[in-house]
mmCIF file of all heavy atoms, coordinates in Angstrom:
data_MODEL
# 
_entry.id   MODEL 
# 
loop_
_atom_site.group_PDB 
_atom_site.id 
_atom_site.type_symbol 
_atom_site.label_atom_id 
_atom_site.label_alt_id 
_atom_site.label_comp_id 
_atom_site.label_asym_id 
_atom_site.label_entity_id 
_atom_site.label_seq_id 
_atom_site.pdbx_PDB_ins_code 
_atom_site.Cartn_x 
_atom_site.Cartn_y 
_atom_site.Cartn_z 
_atom_site.occupancy 
_atom_site.B_iso_or_equiv 
_atom_site.pdbx_formal_charge 
_atom_site.auth_seq_id 
_atom_site.auth_comp_id 
_atom_site.auth_asym_id 
_atom_site.auth_atom_id 
_atom_site.pdbx_PDB_model_num 
ATOM 1   N N   . THR A 1 1  ? 16.286 -61.864 -43.641 1.00 0.00 ? 1  THR A N   1 
ATOM 2   C CA  . THR A 1 1  ? 14.907 -62.318 -43.197 1.00 0.00 ? 1  THR A CA  1 
ATOM 3   C C   . THR A 1 1  ? 14.050 -61.006 -43.109 1.00 0.00 ? 1  THR A C   1 
ATOM 4   O O   . THR A 1 1  ? 13.723 -60.589 -42.023 1.00 0.00 ? 1  THR A O   1 
ATOM 5   C CB  . THR A 1 1  ? 14.997 -63.046 -41.867 1.00 0.00 ? 1  THR A CB  1 
ATOM 6   O OG1 . THR A 1 1  ? 15.696 -62.192 -40.881 1.00 0.00 ? 1  THR A OG1 1 
ATOM 7   C CG2 . THR A 1 1  ? 15.745 -64.368 -41.940 1.00 0.00 ? 1  THR A CG2 1 
ATOM 8   N N   . PRO A 1 2  ? 13.602 -60.515 -44.334 1.00 0.00 ? 2  PRO A N   1 
ATOM 9   C CA  . PRO A 1 2  ? 12.928 -59.216 -44.270 1.00 0.00 ? 2  PRO A CA  1 
ATOM 10  C C   . PRO A 1 2  ? 11.570 -59.247 -43.604 1.00 0.00 ? 2  PRO A C   1 
ATOM 11  O O   . PRO A 1 2  ? 11.019 -58.102 -43.288 1.00 0.00 ? 2  PRO A O   1 
ATOM 12  C CB  . PRO A 1 2  ? 12.744 -58.975 -45.741 1.00 0.00 ? 2  PRO A CB  1 
ATOM 13  C CG  . PRO A 1 2  ? 12.835 -60.310 -46.444 1.00 0.00 ? 2  PRO A CG  1 
ATOM 14  C CD  . PRO A 1 2  ? 13.817 -61.109 -45.566 1.00 0.00 ? 2  PRO A CD  1 
ATOM 15  N N   . ARG A 1 3  ? 11.011 -60.397 -43.336 1.00 0.00 ? 3  ARG A N   1 
ATOM 16  C CA  . ARG A 1 3  ? 9.619  -60.504 -42.637 1.00 0.00 ? 3  ARG A CA  1 
ATOM 17  C C   . ARG A 1 3  ? 9.782  -60.701 -41.153 1.00 0.00 ? 3  ARG A C   1 
ATOM 18  O O   . ARG A 1 3  ? 8.768  -60.999 -40.481 1.00 0.00 ? 3  ARG A O   1 
ATOM 19  C CB  . ARG A 1 3  ? 8.811  -61.596 -43.369 1.00 0.00 ? 3  ARG A CB  1 
ATOM 20  C CG  . ARG A 1 3  ? 8.701  -61.416 -44.887 1.00 0.00 ? 3  ARG A CG  1 
ATOM 21  C CD  . ARG A 1 3  ? 7.882  -60.210 -45.277 1.00 0.00 ? 3  ARG A CD  1 
ATOM 22  N NE  . ARG A 1 3  ? 6.506  -60.161 -44.783 1.00 0.00 ? 3  ARG A NE  1 
ATOM 23  C CZ  . ARG A 1 3  ? 5.706  -59.204 -44.933 1.00 0.00 ? 3  ARG A CZ  1 
ATOM 24  N NH1 . ARG A 1 3  ? 6.051  -58.160 -45.630 1.00 0.00 ? 3  ARG A NH1 1 
ATOM 25  N NH2 . ARG A 1 3  ? 4.449  -59.239 -44.523 1.00 0.00 ? 3  ARG A NH2 1 
ATOM 26  N N   . THR A 1 4  ? 10.978 -60.647 -40.709 1.00 0.00 ? 4  THR A N   1 
ATOM 27  C CA  . THR A 1 4  ? 11.255 -60.872 -39.307 1.00 0.00 ? 4  THR A CA  1 
ATOM 28  C C   . THR A 1 4  ? 11.790 -59.566 -38.544 1.00 0.00 ? 4  THR A C   1 
ATOM 29  O O   . THR A 1 4  ? 12.705 -59.005 -39.074 1.00 0.00 ? 4  THR A O   1 
ATOM 30  C CB  . THR A 1 4  ? 12.286 -62.063 -39.140 1.00 0.00 ? 4  THR A CB  1 
ATOM 31  O OG1 . THR A 1 4  ? 11.702 -63.216 -39.726 1.00 0.00 ? 4  THR A OG1 1 
ATOM 32  C CG2 . THR A 1 4  ? 12.539 -62.322 -37.622 1.00 0.00 ? 4  THR A CG2 1 
ATOM 33  N N   . ALA A 1 5  ? 11.286 -59.439 -37.479 1.00 0.00 ? 5  ALA A N   1 
ATOM 34  C CA  . ALA A 1 5  ? 11.790 -58.236 -36.543 1.00 0.00 ? 5  ALA A CA  1 
ATOM 35  C C   . ALA A 1 5  ? 12.379 -58.890 -35.341 1.00 0.00 ? 5  ALA A C   1 
ATOM 36  O O   . ALA A 1 5  ? 11.706 -59.707 -34.653 1.00 0.00 ? 5  ALA A O   1 
ATOM 37  C CB  . ALA A 1 5  ? 10.655 -57.308 -36.244 1.00 0.00 ? 5  ALA A CB  1 
ATOM 38  N N   . TRP A 1 6  ? 13.650 -58.437 -34.994 1.00 0.00 ? 6  TRP A N   1 
ATOM 39  C CA  . TRP A 1 6  ? 14.183 -58.794 -33.759 1.00 0.00 ? 6  TRP A CA  1 
ATOM 40  C C   . TRP A 1 6  ? 14.069 -57.710 -32.818 1.00 0.00 ? 6  TRP A C   1 
ATOM 41  O O   . TRP A 1 6  ? 14.385 -56.576 -33.033 1.00 0.00 ? 6  TRP A O   1 
ATOM 42  C CB  . TRP A 1 6  ? 15.713 -59.081 -34.030 1.00 0.00 ? 6  TRP A CB  1 
ATOM 43  C CG  . TRP A 1 6  ? 16.059 -60.272 -34.808 1.00 0.00 ? 6  TRP A CG  1 
ATOM 44  C CD1 . TRP A 1 6  ? 16.137 -60.389 -36.176 1.00 0.00 ? 6  TRP A CD1 1 
ATOM 45  C CD2 . TRP A 1 6  ? 16.319 -61.560 -34.274 1.00 0.00 ? 6  TRP A CD2 1 
ATOM 46  N NE1 . TRP A 1 6  ? 16.448 -61.712 -36.449 1.00 0.00 ? 6  TRP A NE1 1 
ATOM 47  C CE2 . TRP A 1 6  ? 16.598 -62.489 -35.404 1.00 0.00 ? 6  TRP A CE2 1 
ATOM 48  C CE3 . TRP A 1 6  ? 16.365 -62.123 -32.953 1.00 0.00 ? 6  TRP A CE3 1 
ATOM 49  C CZ2 . TRP A 1 6  ? 16.815 -63.855 -35.123 1.00 0.00 ? 6  TRP A CZ2 1 
ATOM 50  C CZ3 . TRP A 1 6  ? 16.551 -63.456 -32.809 1.00 0.00 ? 6  TRP A CZ3 1 
ATOM 51  C CH2 . TRP A 1 6  ? 16.774 -64.329 -33.802 1.00 0.00 ? 6  TRP A CH2 1 
ATOM 52  N N   . LEU A 1 7  ? 13.630 -58.082 -31.623 1.00 0.00 ? 7  LEU A N   1 
ATOM 53  C CA  . LEU A 1 7  ? 13.389 -57.056 -30.583 1.00 0.00 ? 7  LEU A CA  1 
ATOM 54  C C   . LEU A 1 7  ? 14.231 -57.477 -29.357 1.00 0.00 ? 7  LEU A C   1 
ATOM 55  O O   . LEU A 1 7  ? 14.501 -58.530 -28.992 1.00 0.00 ? 7  LEU A O   1 
ATOM 56  C CB  . LEU A 1 7  ? 11.971 -57.053 -30.018 1.00 0.00 ? 7  LEU A CB  1 
ATOM 57  C CG  . LEU A 1 7  ? 10.868 -56.757 -31.020 1.00 0.00 ? 7  LEU A CG  1 
ATOM 58  C CD1 . LEU A 1 7  ? 9.583  -56.599 -30.387 1.00 0.00 ? 7  LEU A CD1 1 
ATOM 59  C CD2 . LEU A 1 7  ? 11.100 -55.513 -31.868 1.00 0.00 ? 7  LEU A CD2 1 
ATOM 60  N N   . VAL A 1 8  ? 14.822 -56.274 -28.627 1.00 0.00 ? 8  VAL A N   1 
ATOM 61  C CA  . VAL A 1 8  ? 15.557 -56.529 -27.372 1.00 0.00 ? 8  VAL A CA  1 
ATOM 62  C C   . VAL A 1 8  ? 15.107 -55.492 -26.360 1.00 0.00 ? 8  VAL A C   1 
ATOM 63  O O   . VAL A 1 8  ? 14.891 -54.316 -26.732 1.00 0.00 ? 8  VAL A O   1 
ATOM 64  C CB  . VAL A 1 8  ? 17.079 -56.074 -27.603 1.00 0.00 ? 8  VAL A CB  1 
ATOM 65  C CG1 . VAL A 1 8  ? 17.940 -56.333 -26.366 1.00 0.00 ? 8  VAL A CG1 1 
ATOM 66  C CG2 . VAL A 1 8  ? 17.711 -57.151 -28.652 1.00 0.00 ? 8  VAL A CG2 1 
ATOM 67  N N   . SER A 1 9  ? 14.708 -56.007 -25.260 1.00 0.00 ? 9  SER A N   1 
ATOM 68  C CA  . SER A 1 9  ? 14.222 -55.164 -24.133 1.00 0.00 ? 9  SER A CA  1 
ATOM 69  C C   . SER A 1 9  ? 14.693 -55.651 -22.730 1.00 0.00 ? 9  SER A C   1 
ATOM 70  O O   . SER A 1 9  ? 14.299 -56.861 -22.373 1.00 0.00 ? 9  SER A O   1 
ATOM 71  C CB  . SER A 1 9  ? 12.648 -55.094 -24.238 1.00 0.00 ? 9  SER A CB  1 
ATOM 72  O OG  . SER A 1 9  ? 12.235 -54.202 -23.318 1.00 0.00 ? 9  SER A OG  1 
ATOM 73  N N   . GLU A 1 10 ? 15.636 -54.985 -22.116 1.00 0.00 ? 10 GLU A N   1 
ATOM 74  C CA  . GLU A 1 10 ? 16.182 -55.509 -20.941 1.00 0.00 ? 10 GLU A CA  1 
ATOM 75  C C   . GLU A 1 10 ? 16.173 -54.561 -19.753 1.00 0.00 ? 10 GLU A C   1 
ATOM 76  O O   . GLU A 1 10 ? 16.390 -53.322 -20.030 1.00 0.00 ? 10 GLU A O   1 
ATOM 77  C CB  . GLU A 1 10 ? 17.595 -55.960 -21.081 1.00 0.00 ? 10 GLU A CB  1 
ATOM 78  C CG  . GLU A 1 10 ? 17.785 -57.141 -22.172 1.00 0.00 ? 10 GLU A CG  1 
ATOM 79  C CD  . GLU A 1 10 ? 17.541 -58.438 -21.558 1.00 0.00 ? 10 GLU A CD  1 
ATOM 80  O OE1 . GLU A 1 10 ? 17.031 -58.550 -20.474 1.00 0.00 ? 10 GLU A OE1 1 
ATOM 81  O OE2 . GLU A 1 10 ? 17.784 -59.422 -22.298 1.00 0.00 ? 10 GLU A OE2 1 
ATOM 82  N N   . GLU A 1 11 ? 15.820 -54.922 -18.604 1.00 0.00 ? 11 GLU A N   1 
ATOM 83  C CA  . GLU A 1 11 ? 16.102 -54.160 -17.377 1.00 0.00 ? 11 GLU A CA  1 
ATOM 84  C C   . GLU A 1 11 ? 17.439 -53.965 -17.003 1.00 0.00 ? 11 GLU A C   1 
ATOM 85  O O   . GLU A 1 11 ? 18.305 -54.832 -17.244 1.00 0.00 ? 11 GLU A O   1 
ATOM 86  C CB  . GLU A 1 11 ? 15.242 -54.692 -16.184 1.00 0.00 ? 11 GLU A CB  1 
ATOM 87  C CG  . GLU A 1 11 ? 13.810 -54.633 -16.284 1.00 0.00 ? 11 GLU A CG  1 
ATOM 88  C CD  . GLU A 1 11 ? 13.188 -55.044 -14.912 1.00 0.00 ? 11 GLU A CD  1 
ATOM 89  O OE1 . GLU A 1 11 ? 13.896 -55.347 -14.036 1.00 0.00 ? 11 GLU A OE1 1 
ATOM 90  O OE2 . GLU A 1 11 ? 11.894 -54.899 -14.970 1.00 0.00 ? 11 GLU A OE2 1 
ATOM 91  N N   . TRP A 1 12 ? 17.930 -52.755 -16.547 1.00 0.00 ? 12 TRP A N   1 
ATOM 92  C CA  . TRP A 1 12 ? 19.301 -52.629 -16.124 1.00 0.00 ? 12 TRP A CA  1 
ATOM 93  C C   . TRP A 1 12 ? 19.529 -53.415 -14.820 1.00 0.00 ? 12 TRP A C   1 
ATOM 94  O O   . TRP A 1 12 ? 18.708 -53.491 -14.073 1.00 0.00 ? 12 TRP A O   1 
ATOM 95  C CB  . TRP A 1 12 ? 19.573 -51.136 -15.668 1.00 0.00 ? 12 TRP A CB  1 
ATOM 96  C CG  . TRP A 1 12 ? 19.439 -50.053 -16.638 1.00 0.00 ? 12 TRP A CG  1 
ATOM 97  C CD1 . TRP A 1 12 ? 18.880 -48.946 -16.760 1.00 0.00 ? 12 TRP A CD1 1 
ATOM 98  C CD2 . TRP A 1 12 ? 20.428 -50.071 -17.844 1.00 0.00 ? 12 TRP A CD2 1 
ATOM 99  N NE1 . TRP A 1 12 ? 19.084 -48.246 -17.923 1.00 0.00 ? 12 TRP A NE1 1 
ATOM 100 C CE2 . TRP A 1 12 ? 20.081 -48.749 -18.510 1.00 0.00 ? 12 TRP A CE2 1 
ATOM 101 C CE3 . TRP A 1 12 ? 21.478 -50.846 -18.306 1.00 0.00 ? 12 TRP A CE3 1 
ATOM 102 C CZ2 . TRP A 1 12 ? 20.732 -48.452 -19.697 1.00 0.00 ? 12 TRP A CZ2 1 
ATOM 103 C CZ3 . TRP A 1 12 ? 22.124 -50.374 -19.468 1.00 0.00 ? 12 TRP A CZ3 1 
ATOM 104 C CH2 . TRP A 1 12 ? 21.796 -49.233 -20.088 1.00 0.00 ? 12 TRP A CH2 1 
ATOM 105 N N   . PRO A 1 13 ? 20.549 -54.224 -14.949 1.00 0.00 ? 13 PRO A N   1 
ATOM 106 C CA  . PRO A 1 13 ? 20.916 -54.821 -13.577 1.00 0.00 ? 13 PRO A CA  1 
ATOM 107 C C   . PRO A 1 13 ? 21.093 -53.851 -12.381 1.00 0.00 ? 13 PRO A C   1 
ATOM 108 O O   . PRO A 1 13 ? 21.419 -52.600 -12.778 1.00 0.00 ? 13 PRO A O   1 
ATOM 109 C CB  . PRO A 1 13 ? 22.262 -55.540 -13.906 1.00 0.00 ? 13 PRO A CB  1 
ATOM 110 C CG  . PRO A 1 13 ? 22.241 -55.720 -15.444 1.00 0.00 ? 13 PRO A CG  1 
ATOM 111 C CD  . PRO A 1 13 ? 21.555 -54.575 -15.881 1.00 0.00 ? 13 PRO A CD  1 
ATOM 112 N N   . GLU A 1 14 ? 20.892 -54.235 -11.303 1.00 0.00 ? 14 GLU A N   1 
ATOM 113 C CA  . GLU A 1 14 ? 20.815 -53.279 -10.089 1.00 0.00 ? 14 GLU A CA  1 
ATOM 114 C C   . GLU A 1 14 ? 22.107 -52.420 -9.965  1.00 0.00 ? 14 GLU A C   1 
ATOM 115 O O   . GLU A 1 14 ? 22.008 -51.233 -9.665  1.00 0.00 ? 14 GLU A O   1 
ATOM 116 C CB  . GLU A 1 14 ? 20.552 -54.041 -8.796  1.00 0.00 ? 14 GLU A CB  1 
ATOM 117 C CG  . GLU A 1 14 ? 20.246 -53.062 -7.640  1.00 0.00 ? 14 GLU A CG  1 
ATOM 118 C CD  . GLU A 1 14 ? 19.067 -51.990 -7.970  1.00 0.00 ? 14 GLU A CD  1 
ATOM 119 O OE1 . GLU A 1 14 ? 18.152 -52.410 -8.644  1.00 0.00 ? 14 GLU A OE1 1 
ATOM 120 O OE2 . GLU A 1 14 ? 19.201 -50.893 -7.523  1.00 0.00 ? 14 GLU A OE2 1 
ATOM 121 N N   . ASP A 1 15 ? 23.333 -52.975 -10.093 1.00 0.00 ? 15 ASP A N   1 
ATOM 122 C CA  . ASP A 1 15 ? 24.481 -52.328 -10.011 1.00 0.00 ? 15 ASP A CA  1 
ATOM 123 C C   . ASP A 1 15 ? 24.755 -51.230 -11.105 1.00 0.00 ? 15 ASP A C   1 
ATOM 124 O O   . ASP A 1 15 ? 25.075 -50.062 -10.931 1.00 0.00 ? 15 ASP A O   1 
ATOM 125 C CB  . ASP A 1 15 ? 25.785 -53.196 -9.987  1.00 0.00 ? 15 ASP A CB  1 
ATOM 126 C CG  . ASP A 1 15 ? 25.924 -53.991 -11.331 1.00 0.00 ? 15 ASP A CG  1 
ATOM 127 O OD1 . ASP A 1 15 ? 24.823 -54.309 -11.907 1.00 0.00 ? 15 ASP A OD1 1 
ATOM 128 O OD2 . ASP A 1 15 ? 26.959 -54.408 -11.755 1.00 0.00 ? 15 ASP A OD2 1 
ATOM 129 N N   . ILE A 1 16 ? 24.258 -51.445 -12.379 1.00 0.00 ? 16 ILE A N   1 
ATOM 130 C CA  . ILE A 1 16 ? 24.258 -50.534 -13.366 1.00 0.00 ? 16 ILE A CA  1 
ATOM 131 C C   . ILE A 1 16 ? 23.325 -49.272 -13.072 1.00 0.00 ? 16 ILE A C   1 
ATOM 132 O O   . ILE A 1 16 ? 23.458 -48.275 -13.389 1.00 0.00 ? 16 ILE A O   1 
ATOM 133 C CB  . ILE A 1 16 ? 24.009 -51.190 -14.791 1.00 0.00 ? 16 ILE A CB  1 
ATOM 134 C CG1 . ILE A 1 16 ? 25.109 -52.215 -14.979 1.00 0.00 ? 16 ILE A CG1 1 
ATOM 135 C CG2 . ILE A 1 16 ? 24.029 -50.187 -15.928 1.00 0.00 ? 16 ILE A CG2 1 
ATOM 136 C CD1 . ILE A 1 16 ? 24.860 -53.011 -16.301 1.00 0.00 ? 16 ILE A CD1 1 
ATOM 137 N N   . ARG A 1 17 ? 22.085 -49.790 -12.626 1.00 0.00 ? 17 ARG A N   1 
ATOM 138 C CA  . ARG A 1 17 ? 20.999 -48.816 -12.270 1.00 0.00 ? 17 ARG A CA  1 
ATOM 139 C C   . ARG A 1 17 ? 21.558 -47.706 -11.287 1.00 0.00 ? 17 ARG A C   1 
ATOM 140 O O   . ARG A 1 17 ? 21.450 -46.535 -11.405 1.00 0.00 ? 17 ARG A O   1 
ATOM 141 C CB  . ARG A 1 17 ? 19.794 -49.423 -11.821 1.00 0.00 ? 17 ARG A CB  1 
ATOM 142 C CG  . ARG A 1 17 ? 18.566 -48.583 -11.807 1.00 0.00 ? 17 ARG A CG  1 
ATOM 143 C CD  . ARG A 1 17 ? 17.460 -49.198 -11.018 1.00 0.00 ? 17 ARG A CD  1 
ATOM 144 N NE  . ARG A 1 17 ? 17.258 -50.526 -11.354 1.00 0.00 ? 17 ARG A NE  1 
ATOM 145 C CZ  . ARG A 1 17 ? 16.436 -50.996 -12.305 1.00 0.00 ? 17 ARG A CZ  1 
ATOM 146 N NH1 . ARG A 1 17 ? 15.792 -50.062 -12.959 1.00 0.00 ? 17 ARG A NH1 1 
ATOM 147 N NH2 . ARG A 1 17 ? 16.185 -52.327 -12.522 1.00 0.00 ? 17 ARG A NH2 1 
ATOM 148 N N   . ARG A 1 18 ? 22.242 -48.347 -10.276 1.00 0.00 ? 18 ARG A N   1 
ATOM 149 C CA  . ARG A 1 18 ? 22.812 -47.428 -9.291  1.00 0.00 ? 18 ARG A CA  1 
ATOM 150 C C   . ARG A 1 18 ? 23.912 -46.554 -9.829  1.00 0.00 ? 18 ARG A C   1 
ATOM 151 O O   . ARG A 1 18 ? 24.073 -45.405 -9.482  1.00 0.00 ? 18 ARG A O   1 
ATOM 152 C CB  . ARG A 1 18 ? 23.535 -48.283 -8.068  1.00 0.00 ? 18 ARG A CB  1 
ATOM 153 C CG  . ARG A 1 18 ? 22.365 -48.948 -7.195  1.00 0.00 ? 18 ARG A CG  1 
ATOM 154 C CD  . ARG A 1 18 ? 23.158 -49.396 -5.948  1.00 0.00 ? 18 ARG A CD  1 
ATOM 155 N NE  . ARG A 1 18 ? 24.172 -50.319 -6.085  1.00 0.00 ? 18 ARG A NE  1 
ATOM 156 C CZ  . ARG A 1 18 ? 24.107 -51.608 -6.251  1.00 0.00 ? 18 ARG A CZ  1 
ATOM 157 N NH1 . ARG A 1 18 ? 22.943 -52.282 -6.168  1.00 0.00 ? 18 ARG A NH1 1 
ATOM 158 N NH2 . ARG A 1 18 ? 25.227 -52.398 -6.501  1.00 0.00 ? 18 ARG A NH2 1 
ATOM 159 N N   . ALA A 1 19 ? 24.662 -47.101 -10.765 1.00 0.00 ? 19 ALA A N   1 
ATOM 160 C CA  . ALA A 1 19 ? 25.748 -46.333 -11.432 1.00 0.00 ? 19 ALA A CA  1 
ATOM 161 C C   . ALA A 1 19 ? 25.232 -45.068 -12.276 1.00 0.00 ? 19 ALA A C   1 
ATOM 162 O O   . ALA A 1 19 ? 25.667 -44.035 -12.208 1.00 0.00 ? 19 ALA A O   1 
ATOM 163 C CB  . ALA A 1 19 ? 26.672 -47.302 -12.179 1.00 0.00 ? 19 ALA A CB  1 
ATOM 164 N N   . LEU A 1 20 ? 24.023 -45.416 -12.903 1.00 0.00 ? 20 LEU A N   1 
ATOM 165 C CA  . LEU A 1 20 ? 23.443 -44.388 -13.665 1.00 0.00 ? 20 LEU A CA  1 
ATOM 166 C C   . LEU A 1 20 ? 22.888 -43.300 -12.711 1.00 0.00 ? 20 LEU A C   1 
ATOM 167 O O   . LEU A 1 20 ? 22.899 -42.085 -12.976 1.00 0.00 ? 20 LEU A O   1 
ATOM 168 C CB  . LEU A 1 20 ? 22.201 -44.991 -14.536 1.00 0.00 ? 20 LEU A CB  1 
ATOM 169 C CG  . LEU A 1 20 ? 22.657 -45.708 -15.784 1.00 0.00 ? 20 LEU A CG  1 
ATOM 170 C CD1 . LEU A 1 20 ? 21.564 -46.534 -16.311 1.00 0.00 ? 20 LEU A CD1 1 
ATOM 171 C CD2 . LEU A 1 20 ? 23.128 -44.840 -16.832 1.00 0.00 ? 20 LEU A CD2 1 
ATOM 172 N N   . ALA A 1 21 ? 22.247 -43.660 -11.570 1.00 0.00 ? 21 ALA A N   1 
ATOM 173 C CA  . ALA A 1 21 ? 21.880 -42.662 -10.603 1.00 0.00 ? 21 ALA A CA  1 
ATOM 174 C C   . ALA A 1 21 ? 22.877 -41.835 -10.118 1.00 0.00 ? 21 ALA A C   1 
ATOM 175 O O   . ALA A 1 21 ? 22.887 -40.722 -9.960  1.00 0.00 ? 21 ALA A O   1 
ATOM 176 C CB  . ALA A 1 21 ? 21.025 -43.470 -9.640  1.00 0.00 ? 21 ALA A CB  1 
ATOM 177 N N   . ALA A 1 22 ? 24.124 -42.490 -9.863  1.00 0.00 ? 22 ALA A N   1 
ATOM 178 C CA  . ALA A 1 22 ? 25.164 -41.871 -9.249  1.00 0.00 ? 22 ALA A CA  1 
ATOM 179 C C   . ALA A 1 22 ? 25.730 -40.697 -10.195 1.00 0.00 ? 22 ALA A C   1 
ATOM 180 O O   . ALA A 1 22 ? 26.046 -39.592 -9.706  1.00 0.00 ? 22 ALA A O   1 
ATOM 181 C CB  . ALA A 1 22 ? 26.338 -42.751 -8.899  1.00 0.00 ? 22 ALA A CB  1 
ATOM 182 N N   . ALA A 1 23 ? 25.870 -41.175 -11.423 1.00 0.00 ? 23 ALA A N   1 
ATOM 183 C CA  . ALA A 1 23 ? 26.267 -40.168 -12.449 1.00 0.00 ? 23 ALA A CA  1 
ATOM 184 C C   . ALA A 1 23 ? 25.368 -39.064 -12.673 1.00 0.00 ? 23 ALA A C   1 
ATOM 185 O O   . ALA A 1 23 ? 25.703 -37.861 -12.686 1.00 0.00 ? 23 ALA A O   1 
ATOM 186 C CB  . ALA A 1 23 ? 26.525 -40.921 -13.809 1.00 0.00 ? 23 ALA A CB  1 
ATOM 187 N N   . ALA A 1 24 ? 23.959 -39.311 -12.630 1.00 0.00 ? 24 ALA A N   1 
ATOM 188 C CA  . ALA A 1 24 ? 23.073 -38.272 -12.626 1.00 0.00 ? 24 ALA A CA  1 
ATOM 189 C C   . ALA A 1 24 ? 23.013 -37.311 -11.573 1.00 0.00 ? 24 ALA A C   1 
ATOM 190 O O   . ALA A 1 24 ? 22.703 -36.171 -11.664 1.00 0.00 ? 24 ALA A O   1 
ATOM 191 C CB  . ALA A 1 24 ? 21.619 -38.863 -12.881 1.00 0.00 ? 24 ALA A CB  1 
# 
């Protein structure tokens, strides 16, 4: 489907956001 673009854009669930912050 060359004339179609698929987009994905999601917020991190809260537990994953906390895990990213903990690793950082």
